[in-house]
């Protein structure tokens, strides 16, 4: 009887030790994977860091209403610190300053360029990623333009290319 209990206790001890050793090994491996992942992410961030400067992207052509969207992004210490988004016409006037246009749009969709351009600019500074910028109700098309243009400006910022980037917005 004592031999039987001794065998059971010994078997239980061996199994427990095996399980603990197996769990310990996996935990160390998991910690190593987490460390490797963190190092990889840090390297990716360094490689894709934004270069300080001001970067601009604009539409290649004026739209059917005579406006051309543009985005200017200022980078400082690798971060977006200022954004200017607007539309300009052939006379050099800005859509956000066109009182009549803003009034009509405000009446129809409860927003206008004077309002949504500021919201988009602030959102990009906060989120640091054009794709993370929220859609503004009533300005969906302008949000799409903003994201495309900001993305292109930031692409140039990664390379330190301060030339004005142009995009065919019809694509």
N, C-alpha and C. Protein backbone atom coordinates (compact mmCIF):
# COMPACT_ATOMS: atom_id res chain seq x y z
N UNK A 1 0.82 -1.18 0.00
CA UNK A 1 0.00 0.00 0.00
C UNK A 1 0.87 1.25 0.00
N UNK A 2 1.96 1.22 0.84
CA UNK A 2 2.85 2.36 0.88
C UNK A 2 3.53 2.57 -0.46
N UNK A 3 3.88 1.46 -1.13
CA UNK A 3 4.52 1.57 -2.44
C UNK A 3 3.58 2.22 -3.45
N UNK A 4 2.31 1.86 -3.37
CA UNK A 4 1.32 2.41 -4.30
C UNK A 4 1.19 3.91 -4.09
N UNK A 5 1.07 4.36 -2.82
CA UNK A 5 0.95 5.80 -2.53
C UNK A 5 2.22 6.53 -2.92
N UNK A 6 3.35 5.91 -2.66
CA UNK A 6 4.63 6.51 -3.02
C UNK A 6 4.73 6.67 -4.53
N UNK A 7 4.26 5.69 -5.28
CA UNK A 7 4.26 5.76 -6.74
C UNK A 7 3.35 6.87 -7.24
N UNK A 8 2.16 7.00 -6.63
CA UNK A 8 1.21 8.04 -7.02
C UNK A 8 1.80 9.42 -6.74
N UNK A 9 2.38 9.60 -5.55
CA UNK A 9 2.97 10.89 -5.18
C UNK A 9 4.13 11.21 -6.11
N UNK A 10 4.98 10.22 -6.38
CA UNK A 10 6.12 10.43 -7.26
C UNK A 10 5.65 10.78 -8.67
N UNK A 11 4.66 10.08 -9.17
CA UNK A 11 4.13 10.36 -10.52
C UNK A 11 3.52 11.75 -10.57
N UNK A 12 2.77 12.13 -9.54
CA UNK A 12 2.16 13.46 -9.48
C UNK A 12 3.24 14.54 -9.47
N UNK A 13 4.29 14.32 -8.71
CA UNK A 13 5.39 15.29 -8.62
C UNK A 13 6.08 15.44 -9.97
N UNK A 14 6.33 14.33 -10.65
CA UNK A 14 7.00 14.37 -11.96
C UNK A 14 6.12 15.11 -12.98
N UNK A 15 4.84 14.82 -12.98
CA UNK A 15 3.92 15.47 -13.92
C UNK A 15 3.84 16.97 -13.63
N UNK A 16 3.72 17.31 -12.35
CA UNK A 16 3.64 18.73 -11.96
C UNK A 16 4.91 19.47 -12.37
N UNK A 17 6.05 18.85 -12.12
CA UNK A 17 7.32 19.48 -12.48
C UNK A 17 7.41 19.68 -13.99
N UNK A 18 6.95 18.69 -14.73
CA UNK A 18 6.96 18.80 -16.20
C UNK A 18 6.07 19.92 -16.69
N UNK A 19 4.88 20.04 -16.11
CA UNK A 19 3.97 21.11 -16.49
C UNK A 19 4.54 22.47 -16.16
N UNK A 20 5.11 22.60 -14.97
CA UNK A 20 5.70 23.88 -14.57
C UNK A 20 6.87 24.25 -15.47
N UNK A 21 7.69 23.28 -15.82
CA UNK A 21 8.83 23.55 -16.69
C UNK A 21 8.34 23.99 -18.07
N UNK A 22 7.30 23.33 -18.56
CA UNK A 22 6.74 23.69 -19.86
C UNK A 22 6.15 25.09 -19.85
N UNK A 23 5.44 25.43 -18.82
CA UNK A 23 4.84 26.76 -18.70
C UNK A 23 5.91 27.82 -18.58
N UNK A 24 6.94 27.54 -17.80
CA UNK A 24 8.02 28.50 -17.63
C UNK A 24 8.71 28.79 -18.95
N UNK A 25 8.91 27.79 -19.74
CA UNK A 25 9.58 27.96 -21.02
C UNK A 25 8.76 28.84 -21.95
N UNK A 26 7.45 28.61 -22.00
CA UNK A 26 6.58 29.41 -22.86
C UNK A 26 6.55 30.85 -22.42
N UNK A 27 6.55 31.10 -21.13
CA UNK A 27 6.51 32.47 -20.62
C UNK A 27 7.76 33.22 -21.05
N UNK A 28 8.91 32.60 -20.92
CA UNK A 28 10.15 33.26 -21.34
C UNK A 28 10.10 33.57 -22.83
N UNK A 29 9.60 32.62 -23.61
CA UNK A 29 9.49 32.83 -25.05
C UNK A 29 8.56 33.98 -25.36
N UNK A 30 7.43 34.06 -24.64
CA UNK A 30 6.48 35.15 -24.83
C UNK A 30 7.10 36.50 -24.50
N UNK A 31 7.88 36.52 -23.40
CA UNK A 31 8.55 37.77 -23.03
C UNK A 31 9.55 38.17 -24.11
N UNK A 32 10.27 37.21 -24.64
CA UNK A 32 11.24 37.49 -25.69
C UNK A 32 10.53 38.01 -26.94
N UNK A 33 9.40 37.38 -27.30
CA UNK A 33 8.64 37.84 -28.46
C UNK A 33 8.16 39.27 -28.27
N UNK A 34 7.69 39.60 -27.07
CA UNK A 34 7.22 40.95 -26.79
C UNK A 34 8.37 41.94 -26.92
N UNK A 35 9.54 41.57 -26.40
CA UNK A 35 10.71 42.45 -26.50
C UNK A 35 11.10 42.63 -27.96
N UNK A 36 11.11 41.56 -28.73
CA UNK A 36 11.46 41.65 -30.15
C UNK A 36 10.46 42.51 -30.90
N UNK A 37 9.17 42.35 -30.59
CA UNK A 37 8.13 43.13 -31.26
C UNK A 37 8.30 44.61 -30.94
N UNK A 38 8.59 44.94 -29.68
CA UNK A 38 8.80 46.33 -29.28
C UNK A 38 10.00 46.92 -30.02
N UNK A 39 11.09 46.15 -30.12
CA UNK A 39 12.27 46.63 -30.83
C UNK A 39 11.95 46.85 -32.31
N UNK A 40 11.19 45.95 -32.91
CA UNK A 40 10.81 46.09 -34.32
C UNK A 40 9.96 47.33 -34.52
N UNK A 41 8.99 47.57 -33.62
CA UNK A 41 8.14 48.75 -33.74
C UNK A 41 8.95 50.02 -33.59
N UNK A 42 9.90 50.04 -32.65
CA UNK A 42 10.76 51.22 -32.47
C UNK A 42 11.59 51.48 -33.71
N UNK A 43 12.11 50.42 -34.32
CA UNK A 43 12.90 50.56 -35.54
C UNK A 43 12.02 51.10 -36.67
N UNK A 44 10.80 50.58 -36.79
CA UNK A 44 9.89 51.05 -37.85
C UNK A 44 9.56 52.52 -37.65
N UNK A 45 9.34 52.93 -36.40
CA UNK A 45 9.03 54.34 -36.13
C UNK A 45 10.21 55.22 -36.51
N UNK A 46 11.42 54.77 -36.19
CA UNK A 46 12.61 55.55 -36.51
C UNK A 46 12.78 55.67 -38.02
N UNK A 47 12.58 54.57 -38.73
CA UNK A 47 12.74 54.57 -40.17
C UNK A 47 11.68 55.43 -40.85
N UNK A 48 10.48 55.51 -40.29
CA UNK A 48 9.41 56.28 -40.93
C UNK A 48 9.22 57.64 -40.26
N UNK A 49 10.18 58.07 -39.46
CA UNK A 49 10.06 59.35 -38.76
C UNK A 49 9.91 60.50 -39.76
N UNK A 50 9.10 61.46 -39.37
CA UNK A 50 8.86 62.63 -40.22
C UNK A 50 10.00 63.62 -40.02
N UNK A 51 10.46 64.18 -41.11
CA UNK A 51 11.54 65.16 -41.06
C UNK A 51 10.94 66.55 -40.84
N UNK A 52 11.59 67.34 -40.00
CA UNK A 52 11.10 68.69 -39.71
C UNK A 52 11.04 69.54 -40.96
N UNK A 53 10.02 70.37 -41.04
CA UNK A 53 9.84 71.26 -42.19
C UNK A 53 8.36 71.47 -42.46
N UNK A 54 8.09 72.18 -43.55
CA UNK A 54 6.71 72.42 -43.99
C UNK A 54 6.52 71.72 -45.32
N UNK A 55 5.45 70.96 -45.42
CA UNK A 55 5.18 70.15 -46.61
C UNK A 55 3.79 70.47 -47.14
N UNK A 56 3.70 70.58 -48.46
CA UNK A 56 2.42 70.95 -49.07
C UNK A 56 2.05 69.96 -50.17
N UNK A 57 0.76 69.68 -50.23
CA UNK A 57 0.20 68.87 -51.32
C UNK A 57 -1.06 69.58 -51.79
N UNK A 58 -1.26 69.57 -53.10
CA UNK A 58 -2.45 70.22 -53.66
C UNK A 58 -2.99 69.41 -54.82
N UNK A 59 -4.24 69.68 -55.16
CA UNK A 59 -4.86 69.02 -56.31
C UNK A 59 -4.16 69.51 -57.58
N UNK A 60 -4.11 68.64 -58.56
CA UNK A 60 -3.50 68.98 -59.84
C UNK A 60 -4.33 70.04 -60.56
N UNK A 61 -5.64 69.92 -60.47
CA UNK A 61 -6.54 70.81 -61.21
C UNK A 61 -7.61 71.40 -60.29
N UNK A 62 -8.26 72.46 -60.78
CA UNK A 62 -9.41 73.02 -60.09
C UNK A 62 -10.61 72.11 -60.34
N UNK A 63 -11.51 72.02 -59.35
CA UNK A 63 -12.70 71.19 -59.53
C UNK A 63 -13.73 71.91 -60.41
N UNK A 64 -14.87 71.27 -60.65
CA UNK A 64 -15.89 71.83 -61.54
C UNK A 64 -16.54 73.10 -60.99
N UNK A 65 -16.29 73.44 -59.74
CA UNK A 65 -16.81 74.68 -59.16
C UNK A 65 -15.72 75.75 -59.04
N UNK A 66 -14.53 75.43 -59.55
CA UNK A 66 -13.45 76.40 -59.57
C UNK A 66 -12.56 76.43 -58.33
N UNK A 67 -12.59 75.38 -57.52
CA UNK A 67 -11.78 75.32 -56.31
C UNK A 67 -10.70 74.25 -56.42
N UNK A 68 -9.55 74.51 -55.80
CA UNK A 68 -8.45 73.55 -55.76
C UNK A 68 -8.07 73.34 -54.29
N UNK A 69 -8.23 72.10 -53.78
CA UNK A 69 -7.87 71.85 -52.38
C UNK A 69 -6.36 71.74 -52.19
N UNK A 70 -5.91 72.13 -51.00
CA UNK A 70 -4.50 71.98 -50.64
C UNK A 70 -4.37 71.73 -49.14
N UNK A 71 -3.26 71.13 -48.77
CA UNK A 71 -2.92 70.91 -47.36
C UNK A 71 -1.46 71.30 -47.16
N UNK A 72 -1.21 72.05 -46.10
CA UNK A 72 0.16 72.34 -45.66
C UNK A 72 0.31 71.74 -44.27
N UNK A 73 1.40 71.00 -44.07
CA UNK A 73 1.65 70.35 -42.79
C UNK A 73 3.02 70.78 -42.27
N UNK A 74 3.05 71.24 -41.03
CA UNK A 74 4.33 71.61 -40.41
C UNK A 74 4.74 70.52 -39.44
N UNK A 75 5.98 70.05 -39.60
CA UNK A 75 6.54 69.00 -38.76
C UNK A 75 7.64 69.61 -37.89
N UNK A 76 7.59 69.32 -36.61
CA UNK A 76 8.63 69.76 -35.68
C UNK A 76 8.92 68.62 -34.72
N UNK A 77 10.18 68.28 -34.56
CA UNK A 77 10.60 67.16 -33.70
C UNK A 77 9.89 65.86 -34.10
N UNK A 78 9.68 65.69 -35.41
CA UNK A 78 9.08 64.47 -35.94
C UNK A 78 7.58 64.36 -35.75
N UNK A 79 6.93 65.41 -35.28
CA UNK A 79 5.48 65.40 -35.03
C UNK A 79 4.79 66.48 -35.84
N UNK A 80 3.53 66.23 -36.18
CA UNK A 80 2.70 67.23 -36.85
C UNK A 80 2.31 68.26 -35.80
N UNK A 81 2.72 69.52 -36.03
CA UNK A 81 2.41 70.56 -35.04
C UNK A 81 1.42 71.59 -35.58
N UNK A 82 1.28 71.68 -36.90
CA UNK A 82 0.32 72.63 -37.48
C UNK A 82 -0.13 72.11 -38.84
N UNK A 83 -1.39 72.40 -39.17
CA UNK A 83 -1.96 71.98 -40.44
C UNK A 83 -2.81 73.13 -40.98
N UNK A 84 -2.72 73.34 -42.29
CA UNK A 84 -3.58 74.32 -42.96
C UNK A 84 -4.24 73.61 -44.13
N UNK A 85 -5.55 73.48 -44.07
CA UNK A 85 -6.32 72.86 -45.15
C UNK A 85 -7.36 73.85 -45.64
N UNK A 86 -7.42 74.02 -46.95
CA UNK A 86 -8.41 74.91 -47.54
C UNK A 86 -8.50 74.62 -49.02
N UNK A 87 -9.31 75.41 -49.68
CA UNK A 87 -9.45 75.38 -51.13
C UNK A 87 -9.16 76.80 -51.60
N UNK A 88 -8.54 76.91 -52.77
CA UNK A 88 -8.29 78.23 -53.34
C UNK A 88 -8.90 78.27 -54.74
N UNK A 89 -9.29 79.47 -55.18
CA UNK A 89 -9.80 79.60 -56.55
C UNK A 89 -8.74 80.30 -57.41
N UNK A 90 -9.07 80.54 -58.67
CA UNK A 90 -8.10 81.14 -59.59
C UNK A 90 -7.72 82.56 -59.21
N UNK A 91 -8.56 83.21 -58.40
CA UNK A 91 -8.26 84.57 -57.92
C UNK A 91 -7.43 84.55 -56.64
N UNK A 92 -7.11 83.35 -56.13
CA UNK A 92 -6.33 83.24 -54.91
C UNK A 92 -7.14 83.38 -53.63
N UNK A 93 -8.46 83.38 -53.76
CA UNK A 93 -9.32 83.50 -52.58
C UNK A 93 -9.55 82.11 -51.98
N UNK A 94 -9.82 82.09 -50.67
CA UNK A 94 -10.01 80.83 -49.96
C UNK A 94 -11.48 80.52 -49.74
N UNK A 95 -11.82 79.25 -49.90
CA UNK A 95 -13.19 78.80 -49.70
C UNK A 95 -13.65 79.04 -48.27
N UNK A 96 -12.76 78.86 -47.31
CA UNK A 96 -13.13 79.05 -45.90
C UNK A 96 -13.48 80.50 -45.58
N UNK A 97 -13.04 81.42 -46.44
CA UNK A 97 -13.32 82.85 -46.23
C UNK A 97 -14.45 83.37 -47.11
N UNK A 98 -15.04 82.50 -47.93
CA UNK A 98 -16.14 82.88 -48.81
C UNK A 98 -17.44 82.85 -48.00
N UNK A 99 -17.85 84.02 -47.52
CA UNK A 99 -19.02 84.13 -46.63
C UNK A 99 -20.28 83.57 -47.25
N UNK A 100 -20.52 83.86 -48.53
CA UNK A 100 -21.73 83.39 -49.19
C UNK A 100 -21.75 81.87 -49.29
N UNK A 101 -20.63 81.29 -49.70
CA UNK A 101 -20.52 79.84 -49.82
C UNK A 101 -20.73 79.18 -48.45
N UNK A 102 -20.08 79.72 -47.43
CA UNK A 102 -20.22 79.17 -46.07
C UNK A 102 -21.65 79.24 -45.58
N UNK A 103 -22.33 80.35 -45.85
CA UNK A 103 -23.71 80.52 -45.42
C UNK A 103 -24.62 79.49 -46.07
N UNK A 104 -24.48 79.32 -47.39
CA UNK A 104 -25.32 78.34 -48.11
C UNK A 104 -25.08 76.92 -47.60
N UNK A 105 -23.82 76.58 -47.40
CA UNK A 105 -23.50 75.23 -46.95
C UNK A 105 -23.99 75.01 -45.52
N UNK A 106 -23.83 75.99 -44.68
CA UNK A 106 -24.30 75.92 -43.29
C UNK A 106 -25.80 75.68 -43.24
N UNK A 107 -26.55 76.36 -44.12
CA UNK A 107 -28.01 76.19 -44.17
C UNK A 107 -28.40 74.79 -44.62
N UNK A 108 -27.65 74.24 -45.59
CA UNK A 108 -27.99 72.92 -46.13
C UNK A 108 -27.54 71.77 -45.24
N UNK A 109 -26.28 71.80 -44.79
CA UNK A 109 -25.73 70.62 -44.11
C UNK A 109 -25.16 70.92 -42.71
N UNK A 110 -25.40 72.12 -42.22
CA UNK A 110 -25.01 72.51 -40.86
C UNK A 110 -23.49 72.57 -40.64
N UNK A 111 -22.75 72.71 -41.71
CA UNK A 111 -21.30 72.93 -41.61
C UNK A 111 -20.85 73.67 -42.85
N UNK A 112 -19.67 74.19 -42.81
CA UNK A 112 -19.10 74.88 -43.96
C UNK A 112 -17.59 74.86 -43.86
N UNK A 113 -16.91 75.28 -44.92
CA UNK A 113 -15.45 75.23 -44.93
C UNK A 113 -14.79 75.95 -43.75
N UNK A 114 -15.36 77.06 -43.32
CA UNK A 114 -14.76 77.78 -42.19
C UNK A 114 -14.75 76.91 -40.93
N UNK A 115 -15.73 76.02 -40.83
CA UNK A 115 -15.86 75.16 -39.65
C UNK A 115 -15.12 73.83 -39.83
N UNK A 116 -15.40 73.10 -40.93
CA UNK A 116 -14.84 71.75 -41.05
C UNK A 116 -13.35 71.74 -41.34
N UNK A 117 -12.82 72.79 -41.99
CA UNK A 117 -11.36 72.80 -42.22
C UNK A 117 -10.62 72.85 -40.89
N UNK A 118 -11.11 73.64 -39.97
CA UNK A 118 -10.50 73.75 -38.63
C UNK A 118 -10.60 72.42 -37.89
N UNK A 119 -11.76 71.76 -37.98
CA UNK A 119 -11.95 70.46 -37.31
C UNK A 119 -10.95 69.43 -37.84
N UNK A 120 -10.79 69.39 -39.16
CA UNK A 120 -9.87 68.44 -39.77
C UNK A 120 -8.42 68.74 -39.39
N UNK A 121 -8.06 70.01 -39.41
CA UNK A 121 -6.70 70.41 -39.04
C UNK A 121 -6.38 69.98 -37.60
N UNK A 122 -7.28 70.31 -36.69
CA UNK A 122 -7.08 69.97 -35.27
C UNK A 122 -7.02 68.46 -35.06
N UNK A 123 -7.86 67.73 -35.78
CA UNK A 123 -7.89 66.28 -35.64
C UNK A 123 -6.58 65.64 -36.10
N UNK A 124 -6.01 66.15 -37.18
CA UNK A 124 -4.74 65.59 -37.67
C UNK A 124 -3.60 65.88 -36.69
N UNK A 125 -3.57 67.07 -36.13
CA UNK A 125 -2.54 67.39 -35.13
C UNK A 125 -2.68 66.46 -33.93
N UNK A 126 -3.91 66.21 -33.52
CA UNK A 126 -4.15 65.35 -32.36
C UNK A 126 -3.81 63.89 -32.65
N UNK A 127 -4.27 63.37 -33.79
CA UNK A 127 -4.15 61.94 -34.07
C UNK A 127 -2.87 61.55 -34.81
N UNK A 128 -2.22 62.51 -35.48
CA UNK A 128 -0.95 62.28 -36.17
C UNK A 128 -1.06 61.28 -37.32
N UNK A 129 -2.27 61.02 -37.80
CA UNK A 129 -2.48 60.05 -38.88
C UNK A 129 -3.73 60.46 -39.66
N UNK A 130 -3.58 60.76 -40.96
CA UNK A 130 -4.74 61.19 -41.74
C UNK A 130 -5.88 60.17 -41.76
N UNK A 131 -5.54 58.89 -41.76
CA UNK A 131 -6.58 57.86 -41.82
C UNK A 131 -7.37 57.77 -40.51
N UNK A 132 -6.82 58.30 -39.43
CA UNK A 132 -7.51 58.28 -38.13
C UNK A 132 -8.43 59.48 -37.94
N UNK A 133 -8.37 60.43 -38.87
CA UNK A 133 -9.21 61.63 -38.79
C UNK A 133 -10.67 61.25 -39.02
N UNK A 134 -11.54 61.73 -38.15
CA UNK A 134 -12.96 61.42 -38.25
C UNK A 134 -13.63 62.15 -39.42
N UNK A 135 -14.65 61.51 -39.97
CA UNK A 135 -15.44 62.14 -41.03
C UNK A 135 -16.30 63.23 -40.41
N UNK A 136 -16.46 64.32 -41.14
CA UNK A 136 -17.31 65.43 -40.70
C UNK A 136 -18.62 65.33 -41.48
N UNK A 137 -19.73 65.21 -40.77
CA UNK A 137 -21.03 65.11 -41.43
C UNK A 137 -21.26 66.34 -42.30
N UNK A 138 -21.65 66.09 -43.54
CA UNK A 138 -21.92 67.17 -44.48
C UNK A 138 -20.71 67.58 -45.29
N UNK A 139 -19.54 67.01 -44.98
CA UNK A 139 -18.32 67.39 -45.70
C UNK A 139 -17.51 66.16 -46.10
N UNK A 140 -18.20 65.09 -46.41
CA UNK A 140 -17.55 63.82 -46.71
C UNK A 140 -16.54 63.94 -47.84
N UNK A 141 -16.90 64.61 -48.92
CA UNK A 141 -15.99 64.76 -50.07
C UNK A 141 -14.73 65.53 -49.67
N UNK A 142 -14.90 66.58 -48.90
CA UNK A 142 -13.75 67.36 -48.44
C UNK A 142 -12.86 66.56 -47.49
N UNK A 143 -13.46 65.71 -46.67
CA UNK A 143 -12.68 64.85 -45.78
C UNK A 143 -11.82 63.89 -46.61
N UNK A 144 -12.40 63.32 -47.67
CA UNK A 144 -11.64 62.43 -48.55
C UNK A 144 -10.47 63.18 -49.19
N UNK A 145 -10.74 64.39 -49.67
CA UNK A 145 -9.67 65.21 -50.25
C UNK A 145 -8.58 65.49 -49.22
N UNK A 146 -9.00 65.84 -48.02
CA UNK A 146 -8.06 66.14 -46.94
C UNK A 146 -7.15 64.95 -46.66
N UNK A 147 -7.74 63.77 -46.53
CA UNK A 147 -6.96 62.58 -46.22
C UNK A 147 -5.95 62.26 -47.32
N UNK A 148 -6.37 62.37 -48.58
CA UNK A 148 -5.46 62.11 -49.70
C UNK A 148 -4.30 63.10 -49.69
N UNK A 149 -4.63 64.37 -49.56
CA UNK A 149 -3.61 65.42 -49.61
C UNK A 149 -2.68 65.35 -48.39
N UNK A 150 -3.23 65.16 -47.22
CA UNK A 150 -2.40 65.06 -46.01
C UNK A 150 -1.49 63.84 -46.09
N UNK A 151 -2.02 62.74 -46.61
CA UNK A 151 -1.20 61.53 -46.77
C UNK A 151 -0.02 61.78 -47.69
N UNK A 152 -0.26 62.49 -48.78
CA UNK A 152 0.82 62.80 -49.72
C UNK A 152 1.84 63.75 -49.10
N UNK A 153 1.37 64.76 -48.37
CA UNK A 153 2.29 65.69 -47.71
C UNK A 153 3.16 64.95 -46.69
N UNK A 154 2.56 64.02 -45.95
CA UNK A 154 3.32 63.26 -44.95
C UNK A 154 4.28 62.27 -45.60
N UNK A 155 3.92 61.77 -46.75
CA UNK A 155 4.83 60.90 -47.51
C UNK A 155 6.09 61.70 -47.85
N UNK A 156 5.91 62.93 -48.29
CA UNK A 156 7.05 63.80 -48.59
C UNK A 156 7.83 64.12 -47.32
N UNK A 157 7.14 64.27 -46.19
CA UNK A 157 7.80 64.58 -44.92
C UNK A 157 8.71 63.44 -44.47
N UNK A 158 8.36 62.22 -44.79
CA UNK A 158 9.22 61.08 -44.45
C UNK A 158 10.54 61.15 -45.21
N UNK A 159 10.48 61.68 -46.44
CA UNK A 159 11.67 61.78 -47.28
C UNK A 159 12.35 63.14 -47.19
N UNK A 160 11.74 64.08 -46.48
CA UNK A 160 12.30 65.43 -46.39
C UNK A 160 12.15 66.22 -47.68
N UNK A 161 11.21 65.82 -48.54
CA UNK A 161 10.98 66.47 -49.83
C UNK A 161 9.99 67.63 -49.65
N UNK A 162 10.50 68.86 -49.69
CA UNK A 162 9.65 70.03 -49.45
C UNK A 162 9.03 70.61 -50.72
N UNK A 163 9.21 69.95 -51.86
CA UNK A 163 8.55 70.43 -53.07
C UNK A 163 7.04 70.20 -52.95
N UNK A 164 6.26 71.01 -53.64
CA UNK A 164 4.80 70.89 -53.59
C UNK A 164 4.39 69.64 -54.36
N UNK A 165 3.70 68.75 -53.69
CA UNK A 165 3.21 67.52 -54.32
C UNK A 165 1.86 67.81 -54.95
N UNK A 166 1.63 67.28 -56.13
CA UNK A 166 0.32 67.44 -56.77
C UNK A 166 -0.32 66.07 -56.94
N UNK A 167 -1.64 66.07 -56.78
CA UNK A 167 -2.40 64.83 -56.87
C UNK A 167 -3.56 65.02 -57.84
N UNK A 168 -3.78 64.03 -58.68
CA UNK A 168 -4.96 64.02 -59.54
C UNK A 168 -6.12 63.53 -58.67
N UNK A 169 -6.98 64.44 -58.25
CA UNK A 169 -8.05 64.10 -57.32
C UNK A 169 -9.14 63.25 -57.96
N UNK A 170 -9.16 63.16 -59.28
CA UNK A 170 -10.17 62.36 -59.98
C UNK A 170 -9.91 60.87 -59.80
N UNK A 171 -8.70 60.50 -59.44
CA UNK A 171 -8.35 59.08 -59.29
C UNK A 171 -8.89 58.50 -58.02
